[in-house]
N, C-alpha and C. Protein backbone atom coordinates (compact mmCIF):
# COMPACT_ATOMS: atom_id res chain seq x y z
N MET A 1 -40.58 -12.94 -40.54
CA MET A 1 -39.30 -12.61 -40.94
C MET A 1 -38.15 -12.80 -39.84
N ASP A 2 -37.06 -13.42 -40.19
CA ASP A 2 -36.13 -13.80 -39.19
C ASP A 2 -35.35 -12.54 -38.71
N LEU A 3 -34.60 -12.63 -37.70
CA LEU A 3 -33.82 -11.49 -37.08
C LEU A 3 -32.92 -10.79 -38.05
N ALA A 4 -32.11 -11.67 -38.87
CA ALA A 4 -31.11 -11.18 -39.81
C ALA A 4 -31.84 -10.26 -40.79
N HIS A 5 -32.98 -10.71 -41.23
CA HIS A 5 -33.70 -9.85 -42.32
C HIS A 5 -34.31 -8.61 -41.73
N SER A 6 -34.73 -8.70 -40.45
CA SER A 6 -35.29 -7.44 -39.68
C SER A 6 -34.17 -6.41 -39.59
N ILE A 7 -33.00 -6.88 -39.18
CA ILE A 7 -31.93 -5.99 -38.98
C ILE A 7 -31.45 -5.30 -40.36
N ALA A 8 -31.37 -6.14 -41.30
CA ALA A 8 -30.97 -5.72 -42.66
C ALA A 8 -31.96 -4.70 -43.14
N SER A 9 -33.28 -4.95 -42.87
CA SER A 9 -34.40 -3.94 -43.37
C SER A 9 -34.20 -2.61 -42.57
N VAL A 10 -34.02 -2.58 -41.20
CA VAL A 10 -33.84 -1.47 -40.56
C VAL A 10 -32.53 -0.68 -41.06
N LEU A 11 -31.43 -1.42 -41.21
CA LEU A 11 -30.21 -0.65 -41.57
C LEU A 11 -30.32 -0.05 -42.98
N ARG A 12 -31.12 -0.79 -43.90
CA ARG A 12 -31.28 -0.19 -45.23
C ARG A 12 -32.07 1.15 -45.09
N ARG A 13 -33.00 1.22 -44.26
CA ARG A 13 -33.81 2.36 -44.07
C ARG A 13 -33.03 3.47 -43.52
N LEU A 14 -32.10 3.16 -42.54
CA LEU A 14 -31.29 4.08 -41.92
C LEU A 14 -30.17 4.76 -42.76
N THR A 15 -29.74 3.87 -43.61
CA THR A 15 -28.53 4.38 -44.54
C THR A 15 -28.93 4.85 -45.78
N SER A 16 -30.13 4.62 -46.25
CA SER A 16 -30.65 5.01 -47.69
C SER A 16 -30.85 6.51 -47.60
N PRO A 17 -30.37 7.19 -48.76
CA PRO A 17 -30.56 8.64 -48.72
C PRO A 17 -31.98 9.01 -48.64
N VAL A 18 -32.40 10.09 -48.07
CA VAL A 18 -33.72 10.57 -47.98
C VAL A 18 -33.90 11.27 -49.35
N SER A 19 -35.05 10.91 -49.91
CA SER A 19 -35.46 11.60 -51.07
C SER A 19 -35.89 13.07 -50.81
N ILE A 20 -35.25 13.93 -51.39
CA ILE A 20 -35.51 15.36 -51.12
C ILE A 20 -37.03 15.70 -51.79
N PHE A 21 -37.57 14.74 -52.45
CA PHE A 21 -38.83 14.99 -53.19
C PHE A 21 -39.93 14.42 -52.32
N ASP A 22 -39.59 13.84 -51.10
CA ASP A 22 -40.62 13.22 -50.19
C ASP A 22 -41.52 14.42 -49.74
N ARG A 23 -42.84 14.20 -49.80
CA ARG A 23 -43.74 15.06 -49.27
C ARG A 23 -43.70 15.25 -47.76
N ASN A 24 -43.67 14.10 -47.15
CA ASN A 24 -43.59 14.14 -45.68
C ASN A 24 -42.08 14.16 -45.18
N PRO A 25 -41.94 14.71 -43.94
CA PRO A 25 -40.61 14.71 -43.40
C PRO A 25 -40.00 13.31 -43.20
N PRO A 26 -38.67 13.15 -43.19
CA PRO A 26 -38.16 11.82 -42.87
C PRO A 26 -38.49 11.33 -41.49
N GLU A 27 -38.48 10.05 -41.32
CA GLU A 27 -38.70 9.49 -39.94
C GLU A 27 -37.64 10.03 -38.98
N ALA A 28 -38.07 10.15 -37.65
CA ALA A 28 -37.14 10.62 -36.69
C ALA A 28 -35.92 9.72 -36.61
N ALA A 29 -36.09 8.54 -36.85
CA ALA A 29 -35.04 7.52 -36.76
C ALA A 29 -33.93 7.73 -37.65
N LEU A 30 -34.08 8.56 -38.78
CA LEU A 30 -33.11 8.91 -39.66
C LEU A 30 -32.27 10.05 -39.24
N GLY A 31 -32.63 10.67 -38.19
CA GLY A 31 -31.80 11.72 -37.61
C GLY A 31 -32.01 13.13 -38.10
N HIS A 32 -31.36 14.05 -37.42
CA HIS A 32 -31.62 15.53 -37.69
C HIS A 32 -31.00 15.95 -39.00
N LEU A 33 -29.95 15.31 -39.53
CA LEU A 33 -29.38 15.70 -40.76
C LEU A 33 -30.25 15.46 -41.94
N ALA A 34 -31.01 14.31 -41.83
CA ALA A 34 -32.05 14.01 -42.87
C ALA A 34 -33.18 14.97 -42.86
N LEU A 35 -33.61 15.37 -41.58
CA LEU A 35 -34.62 16.31 -41.52
C LEU A 35 -34.26 17.68 -42.01
N GLY A 36 -32.92 18.10 -41.66
CA GLY A 36 -32.31 19.40 -42.21
C GLY A 36 -32.31 19.35 -43.84
N THR A 37 -31.82 18.28 -44.30
CA THR A 37 -31.84 18.15 -45.91
C THR A 37 -33.16 18.30 -46.46
N TRP A 38 -34.19 17.65 -45.96
CA TRP A 38 -35.59 17.71 -46.27
C TRP A 38 -36.08 19.23 -46.23
N GLY A 39 -35.82 19.87 -45.09
CA GLY A 39 -36.17 21.22 -44.85
C GLY A 39 -35.53 22.29 -45.84
N GLU A 40 -34.30 22.06 -46.12
CA GLU A 40 -33.73 22.89 -47.07
C GLU A 40 -34.24 22.74 -48.44
N GLU A 41 -34.54 21.55 -48.78
CA GLU A 41 -35.21 21.34 -50.10
C GLU A 41 -36.59 21.98 -50.26
N ARG A 42 -37.39 21.80 -49.07
CA ARG A 42 -38.70 22.44 -49.02
C ARG A 42 -38.49 24.08 -49.12
N ALA A 43 -37.54 24.45 -48.28
CA ALA A 43 -37.33 25.96 -48.36
C ALA A 43 -36.93 26.44 -49.71
N ALA A 44 -36.07 25.79 -50.45
CA ALA A 44 -35.64 26.19 -51.66
C ALA A 44 -36.73 26.26 -52.70
N ARG A 45 -37.57 25.25 -52.67
CA ARG A 45 -38.80 25.14 -53.48
C ARG A 45 -39.72 26.31 -53.29
N HIS A 46 -39.84 26.61 -52.01
CA HIS A 46 -40.79 27.69 -51.55
C HIS A 46 -40.21 29.00 -52.23
N LEU A 47 -39.02 29.27 -51.98
CA LEU A 47 -38.43 30.53 -52.45
C LEU A 47 -38.54 30.64 -53.92
N LYS A 48 -38.28 29.57 -54.68
CA LYS A 48 -38.29 29.56 -56.09
C LYS A 48 -39.82 29.95 -56.61
N ARG A 49 -40.82 29.49 -55.88
CA ARG A 49 -42.19 29.75 -56.14
C ARG A 49 -42.49 31.15 -56.02
N HIS A 50 -41.72 31.87 -55.11
CA HIS A 50 -41.95 33.23 -54.85
C HIS A 50 -41.07 34.14 -55.60
N GLY A 51 -40.32 33.52 -56.74
CA GLY A 51 -39.54 34.34 -57.58
C GLY A 51 -38.09 34.55 -57.31
N TRP A 52 -37.66 33.86 -56.23
CA TRP A 52 -36.28 33.87 -55.82
C TRP A 52 -35.42 32.96 -56.77
N LYS A 53 -34.18 33.38 -56.96
CA LYS A 53 -33.26 32.44 -57.70
C LYS A 53 -32.20 31.93 -56.74
N ILE A 54 -32.14 30.60 -56.67
CA ILE A 54 -31.15 29.86 -55.89
C ILE A 54 -29.81 29.77 -56.55
N LEU A 55 -28.85 30.52 -56.05
CA LEU A 55 -27.54 30.52 -56.65
C LEU A 55 -26.58 29.36 -56.25
N ARG A 56 -26.69 29.10 -55.00
CA ARG A 56 -25.82 27.93 -54.49
C ARG A 56 -26.48 27.42 -53.23
N ARG A 57 -26.28 26.09 -52.99
CA ARG A 57 -26.72 25.43 -51.78
C ARG A 57 -25.59 24.98 -51.08
N ASN A 58 -25.66 25.06 -49.63
CA ASN A 58 -24.62 24.62 -48.80
C ASN A 58 -23.22 25.08 -49.23
N PHE A 59 -23.00 26.41 -49.26
CA PHE A 59 -21.84 27.06 -49.58
C PHE A 59 -20.89 26.94 -48.41
N ARG A 60 -19.62 26.32 -48.49
CA ARG A 60 -18.79 26.27 -47.53
C ARG A 60 -17.47 27.03 -47.89
N ALA A 61 -17.12 28.01 -47.18
CA ALA A 61 -15.91 28.86 -47.46
C ALA A 61 -14.71 28.15 -47.00
N PRO A 62 -13.60 28.37 -47.63
CA PRO A 62 -12.36 27.63 -47.09
C PRO A 62 -11.93 28.52 -45.76
N GLY A 63 -11.51 27.71 -44.85
CA GLY A 63 -11.10 28.24 -43.63
C GLY A 63 -12.32 28.43 -42.65
N GLY A 64 -13.48 28.07 -43.04
CA GLY A 64 -14.60 28.23 -42.07
C GLY A 64 -15.62 29.09 -42.75
N GLY A 65 -16.81 28.95 -42.33
CA GLY A 65 -18.02 29.62 -42.77
C GLY A 65 -18.89 28.80 -43.60
N GLU A 66 -20.11 28.97 -43.31
CA GLU A 66 -21.14 28.25 -44.12
C GLU A 66 -22.43 28.93 -44.35
N VAL A 67 -23.05 28.69 -45.54
CA VAL A 67 -24.37 29.36 -45.76
C VAL A 67 -25.25 28.26 -46.50
N ASP A 68 -26.36 28.08 -45.92
CA ASP A 68 -27.37 26.98 -46.42
C ASP A 68 -27.75 27.37 -47.78
N LEU A 69 -28.21 28.57 -48.11
CA LEU A 69 -28.73 28.93 -49.37
C LEU A 69 -28.18 30.34 -49.66
N VAL A 70 -27.61 30.51 -50.82
CA VAL A 70 -27.20 31.79 -51.41
C VAL A 70 -28.25 32.03 -52.49
N CYS A 71 -29.01 33.16 -52.38
CA CYS A 71 -30.14 33.36 -53.28
C CYS A 71 -30.16 34.83 -53.72
N ARG A 72 -30.99 35.11 -54.63
CA ARG A 72 -31.23 36.39 -55.21
C ARG A 72 -32.74 36.71 -55.09
N ASP A 73 -33.11 37.69 -54.30
CA ASP A 73 -34.46 38.14 -54.24
C ASP A 73 -34.51 39.53 -54.86
N ARG A 74 -35.03 39.55 -56.11
CA ARG A 74 -35.00 40.69 -56.93
C ARG A 74 -33.49 41.09 -57.15
N ASN A 75 -33.18 42.39 -56.58
CA ASN A 75 -31.87 42.86 -56.69
C ASN A 75 -30.96 42.77 -55.41
N THR A 76 -31.49 41.91 -54.58
CA THR A 76 -30.73 41.74 -53.21
C THR A 76 -30.23 40.39 -53.17
N LEU A 77 -28.94 40.25 -52.78
CA LEU A 77 -28.26 38.88 -52.59
C LEU A 77 -28.57 38.54 -51.15
N VAL A 78 -29.18 37.23 -50.99
CA VAL A 78 -29.62 36.83 -49.74
C VAL A 78 -28.76 35.62 -49.24
N PHE A 79 -28.29 35.67 -48.01
CA PHE A 79 -27.52 34.59 -47.50
C PHE A 79 -28.51 34.12 -46.36
N ALA A 80 -29.07 32.81 -46.66
CA ALA A 80 -30.10 32.29 -45.94
C ALA A 80 -29.71 31.09 -45.16
N GLU A 81 -30.09 31.07 -43.84
CA GLU A 81 -29.97 29.91 -42.94
C GLU A 81 -31.34 29.32 -42.70
N VAL A 82 -31.34 27.90 -43.14
CA VAL A 82 -32.58 27.27 -42.96
C VAL A 82 -32.53 26.41 -41.72
N LYS A 83 -33.56 26.47 -40.88
CA LYS A 83 -33.61 25.85 -39.69
C LYS A 83 -35.02 25.00 -39.69
N THR A 84 -34.94 23.71 -39.51
CA THR A 84 -36.05 22.76 -39.68
C THR A 84 -36.25 22.16 -38.32
N ARG A 85 -37.54 22.08 -37.90
CA ARG A 85 -37.85 21.49 -36.64
C ARG A 85 -39.22 20.66 -36.90
N ARG A 86 -39.39 19.62 -36.05
CA ARG A 86 -40.59 18.86 -36.24
C ARG A 86 -41.80 19.60 -35.57
N SER A 87 -41.47 20.32 -34.54
CA SER A 87 -42.57 21.17 -33.92
C SER A 87 -41.88 22.36 -33.23
N GLU A 88 -42.71 23.12 -32.65
CA GLU A 88 -42.18 24.32 -31.95
C GLU A 88 -42.23 24.22 -30.49
N GLU A 89 -42.46 23.06 -30.04
CA GLU A 89 -42.57 22.80 -28.61
C GLU A 89 -41.40 23.29 -27.83
N MET A 90 -40.20 23.12 -28.31
CA MET A 90 -38.95 23.66 -27.75
C MET A 90 -38.53 25.04 -28.08
N GLY A 91 -39.45 25.74 -28.82
CA GLY A 91 -39.04 27.06 -29.30
C GLY A 91 -39.01 27.12 -30.81
N ARG A 92 -38.94 28.37 -31.36
CA ARG A 92 -38.83 28.59 -32.77
C ARG A 92 -37.64 28.16 -33.40
N PRO A 93 -37.61 27.78 -34.59
CA PRO A 93 -36.42 27.51 -35.24
C PRO A 93 -35.37 28.67 -35.21
N LEU A 94 -35.89 29.81 -35.39
CA LEU A 94 -35.03 31.03 -35.35
C LEU A 94 -34.18 31.06 -34.09
N ASP A 95 -34.70 30.55 -32.92
CA ASP A 95 -33.96 30.62 -31.76
C ASP A 95 -32.59 29.92 -31.82
N ALA A 96 -32.46 28.95 -32.76
CA ALA A 96 -31.26 28.14 -32.84
C ALA A 96 -30.16 28.90 -33.53
N VAL A 97 -30.46 30.08 -34.23
CA VAL A 97 -29.40 30.81 -34.94
C VAL A 97 -28.88 31.79 -33.87
N ASP A 98 -27.92 31.25 -33.10
CA ASP A 98 -27.24 32.04 -32.04
C ASP A 98 -26.11 32.85 -32.64
N ARG A 99 -25.39 33.47 -31.75
CA ARG A 99 -24.16 34.32 -32.27
C ARG A 99 -23.10 33.49 -32.93
N LYS A 100 -22.90 32.26 -32.31
CA LYS A 100 -21.92 31.38 -33.01
C LYS A 100 -22.28 31.04 -34.41
N LYS A 101 -23.53 30.69 -34.54
CA LYS A 101 -24.12 30.30 -35.92
C LYS A 101 -24.12 31.59 -36.81
N GLN A 102 -24.52 32.73 -36.27
CA GLN A 102 -24.39 33.85 -37.09
C GLN A 102 -23.06 34.21 -37.53
N ARG A 103 -22.09 34.04 -36.73
CA ARG A 103 -20.65 34.23 -37.15
C ARG A 103 -20.19 33.33 -38.25
N LEU A 104 -20.64 32.03 -38.26
CA LEU A 104 -20.20 31.14 -39.34
C LEU A 104 -20.95 31.55 -40.61
N ILE A 105 -22.14 31.94 -40.58
CA ILE A 105 -22.89 32.44 -41.73
C ILE A 105 -22.24 33.76 -42.30
N ARG A 106 -21.95 34.59 -41.41
CA ARG A 106 -21.24 35.95 -41.85
C ARG A 106 -19.82 35.54 -42.54
N GLN A 107 -19.11 34.61 -41.98
CA GLN A 107 -17.84 34.29 -42.64
C GLN A 107 -18.01 33.67 -44.01
N GLY A 108 -18.96 32.91 -44.15
CA GLY A 108 -19.28 32.38 -45.52
C GLY A 108 -19.70 33.43 -46.53
N ALA A 109 -20.53 34.30 -45.96
CA ALA A 109 -21.10 35.39 -46.79
C ALA A 109 -19.85 36.42 -47.16
N LEU A 110 -19.09 36.69 -46.28
CA LEU A 110 -18.02 37.58 -46.55
C LEU A 110 -17.05 36.95 -47.52
N TYR A 111 -16.71 35.74 -47.49
CA TYR A 111 -15.86 35.05 -48.55
C TYR A 111 -16.66 35.16 -49.87
N TRP A 112 -17.97 34.90 -49.96
CA TRP A 112 -18.76 35.03 -51.24
C TRP A 112 -18.58 36.44 -51.72
N LEU A 113 -18.76 37.39 -50.90
CA LEU A 113 -18.73 38.81 -51.37
C LEU A 113 -17.31 39.19 -51.84
N ARG A 114 -16.30 38.74 -51.18
CA ARG A 114 -14.92 38.87 -51.80
C ARG A 114 -14.74 38.24 -53.07
N LEU A 115 -15.37 37.12 -53.43
CA LEU A 115 -15.24 36.54 -54.68
C LEU A 115 -15.93 37.45 -55.71
N LEU A 116 -16.96 38.06 -55.44
CA LEU A 116 -17.74 38.95 -56.31
C LEU A 116 -17.04 40.30 -56.71
N GLU A 117 -16.22 40.61 -55.73
CA GLU A 117 -15.42 41.96 -55.94
C GLU A 117 -16.34 43.09 -56.33
N MET A 118 -17.56 42.97 -55.61
CA MET A 118 -18.53 44.15 -55.75
C MET A 118 -19.00 44.81 -54.48
N PRO A 119 -18.20 45.63 -54.06
CA PRO A 119 -18.44 46.13 -52.60
C PRO A 119 -19.74 46.86 -52.53
N ASP A 120 -20.43 47.33 -53.53
CA ASP A 120 -21.60 48.18 -53.48
C ASP A 120 -22.87 47.24 -53.52
N ILE A 121 -22.68 46.09 -53.50
CA ILE A 121 -23.86 45.06 -53.73
C ILE A 121 -24.75 45.08 -52.45
N THR A 122 -26.10 44.95 -52.71
CA THR A 122 -27.02 45.03 -51.60
C THR A 122 -27.27 43.54 -51.16
N PHE A 123 -27.09 43.28 -49.87
CA PHE A 123 -27.30 41.88 -49.38
C PHE A 123 -27.86 41.88 -47.98
N ARG A 124 -28.40 40.79 -47.68
CA ARG A 124 -28.92 40.66 -46.26
C ARG A 124 -28.89 39.23 -45.81
N PHE A 125 -29.19 39.02 -44.47
CA PHE A 125 -29.11 37.77 -43.91
C PHE A 125 -30.55 37.27 -43.46
N ASP A 126 -31.13 36.31 -44.07
CA ASP A 126 -32.39 35.83 -43.67
C ASP A 126 -32.29 34.50 -43.04
N VAL A 127 -33.34 34.15 -42.19
CA VAL A 127 -33.50 32.84 -41.69
C VAL A 127 -34.79 32.24 -42.12
N ILE A 128 -34.76 31.06 -42.60
CA ILE A 128 -35.97 30.47 -43.16
C ILE A 128 -36.33 29.28 -42.18
N GLU A 129 -37.54 29.49 -41.57
CA GLU A 129 -38.04 28.42 -40.59
C GLU A 129 -38.90 27.46 -41.43
N VAL A 130 -38.67 26.13 -41.14
CA VAL A 130 -39.39 25.14 -41.74
C VAL A 130 -39.92 24.35 -40.46
N VAL A 131 -41.20 24.26 -40.25
CA VAL A 131 -41.85 23.46 -39.24
C VAL A 131 -42.53 22.29 -39.94
N ALA A 132 -42.13 21.15 -39.70
CA ALA A 132 -42.51 19.96 -40.40
C ALA A 132 -43.78 19.37 -39.68
N ALA A 133 -44.89 20.24 -39.45
CA ALA A 133 -46.13 19.83 -38.90
C ALA A 133 -46.95 19.53 -40.19
N ASP A 134 -48.26 19.27 -39.88
CA ASP A 134 -49.28 19.01 -40.86
C ASP A 134 -50.24 20.08 -40.87
N PRO A 135 -50.20 21.15 -41.73
CA PRO A 135 -49.37 21.17 -42.86
C PRO A 135 -48.04 21.83 -42.51
N VAL A 136 -47.09 21.64 -43.45
CA VAL A 136 -45.73 22.21 -43.30
C VAL A 136 -45.83 23.68 -43.24
N GLU A 137 -45.11 24.27 -42.25
CA GLU A 137 -45.03 25.81 -42.25
C GLU A 137 -43.63 26.21 -42.79
N ILE A 138 -43.59 27.24 -43.65
CA ILE A 138 -42.33 27.94 -43.99
C ILE A 138 -42.50 29.34 -43.86
N ARG A 139 -41.57 29.93 -43.11
CA ARG A 139 -41.55 31.38 -42.76
C ARG A 139 -40.26 31.88 -43.06
N VAL A 140 -40.22 33.02 -43.88
CA VAL A 140 -39.01 33.71 -44.20
C VAL A 140 -38.86 34.96 -43.30
N ILE A 141 -37.84 34.88 -42.45
CA ILE A 141 -37.52 36.10 -41.61
C ILE A 141 -36.47 36.92 -42.32
N GLU A 142 -36.87 37.99 -42.99
CA GLU A 142 -35.88 38.79 -43.74
C GLU A 142 -35.12 39.69 -42.71
N SER A 143 -33.73 39.88 -43.18
CA SER A 143 -32.77 40.58 -42.33
C SER A 143 -32.95 40.16 -40.77
N ALA A 144 -32.89 38.91 -40.68
CA ALA A 144 -32.84 38.37 -39.30
C ALA A 144 -31.63 38.84 -38.45
N PHE A 145 -30.56 39.08 -38.98
CA PHE A 145 -29.40 39.62 -38.42
C PHE A 145 -28.62 40.45 -39.35
N THR A 146 -27.62 41.16 -38.95
CA THR A 146 -26.79 41.97 -39.85
C THR A 146 -25.26 41.74 -39.50
N LEU A 147 -24.49 42.60 -40.27
CA LEU A 147 -23.06 42.54 -40.09
C LEU A 147 -22.79 43.52 -38.94
N PRO A 148 -21.84 43.24 -38.01
CA PRO A 148 -21.52 44.30 -37.03
C PRO A 148 -20.88 45.36 -37.72
N ASP A 149 -21.03 46.61 -37.26
CA ASP A 149 -20.30 47.81 -37.67
C ASP A 149 -19.10 48.04 -36.77
N PRO A 150 -18.03 48.60 -37.33
CA PRO A 150 -17.70 48.56 -38.80
C PRO A 150 -17.02 47.18 -39.16
N LEU A 151 -17.38 46.76 -40.34
CA LEU A 151 -16.84 45.58 -40.74
C LEU A 151 -16.70 45.73 -42.34
N ARG A 152 -15.46 45.38 -42.78
CA ARG A 152 -15.07 45.41 -44.21
C ARG A 152 -14.95 44.13 -44.69
N TYR A 153 -15.24 43.95 -45.99
CA TYR A 153 -15.01 42.71 -46.65
C TYR A 153 -14.11 43.08 -47.87
């Protein structure tokens, strides 16, 4: 294969969308966004198998705030952050959900709650860890963080 065809082949692999139905995680060359998308799909399928209802993926509130998965677990509304890692050599995925990230998730969640106009609704903030090892590990950390008191929405 000549150089032009080799380059074209690599570029096609790098720019082609990752199939969310791939069993294996995307190649490292595709970057962390592709791995994150793959992990979110795996997490959503895992939650559905456990009876959760996925209401929205990648919810972005106007003016800031983001939630990877808005779900319902029985009678509880769940705002879930999905963190995917290839391994835990550098720590758990949960460790990446720092105060700044929690603030963005809370902003998105509060906007969602304002849209519902249901102040008595039960909700929580979960983190879903996806470790793309063999086999893939998915862990749900329920109530990983809370709203600071007092806070009104």
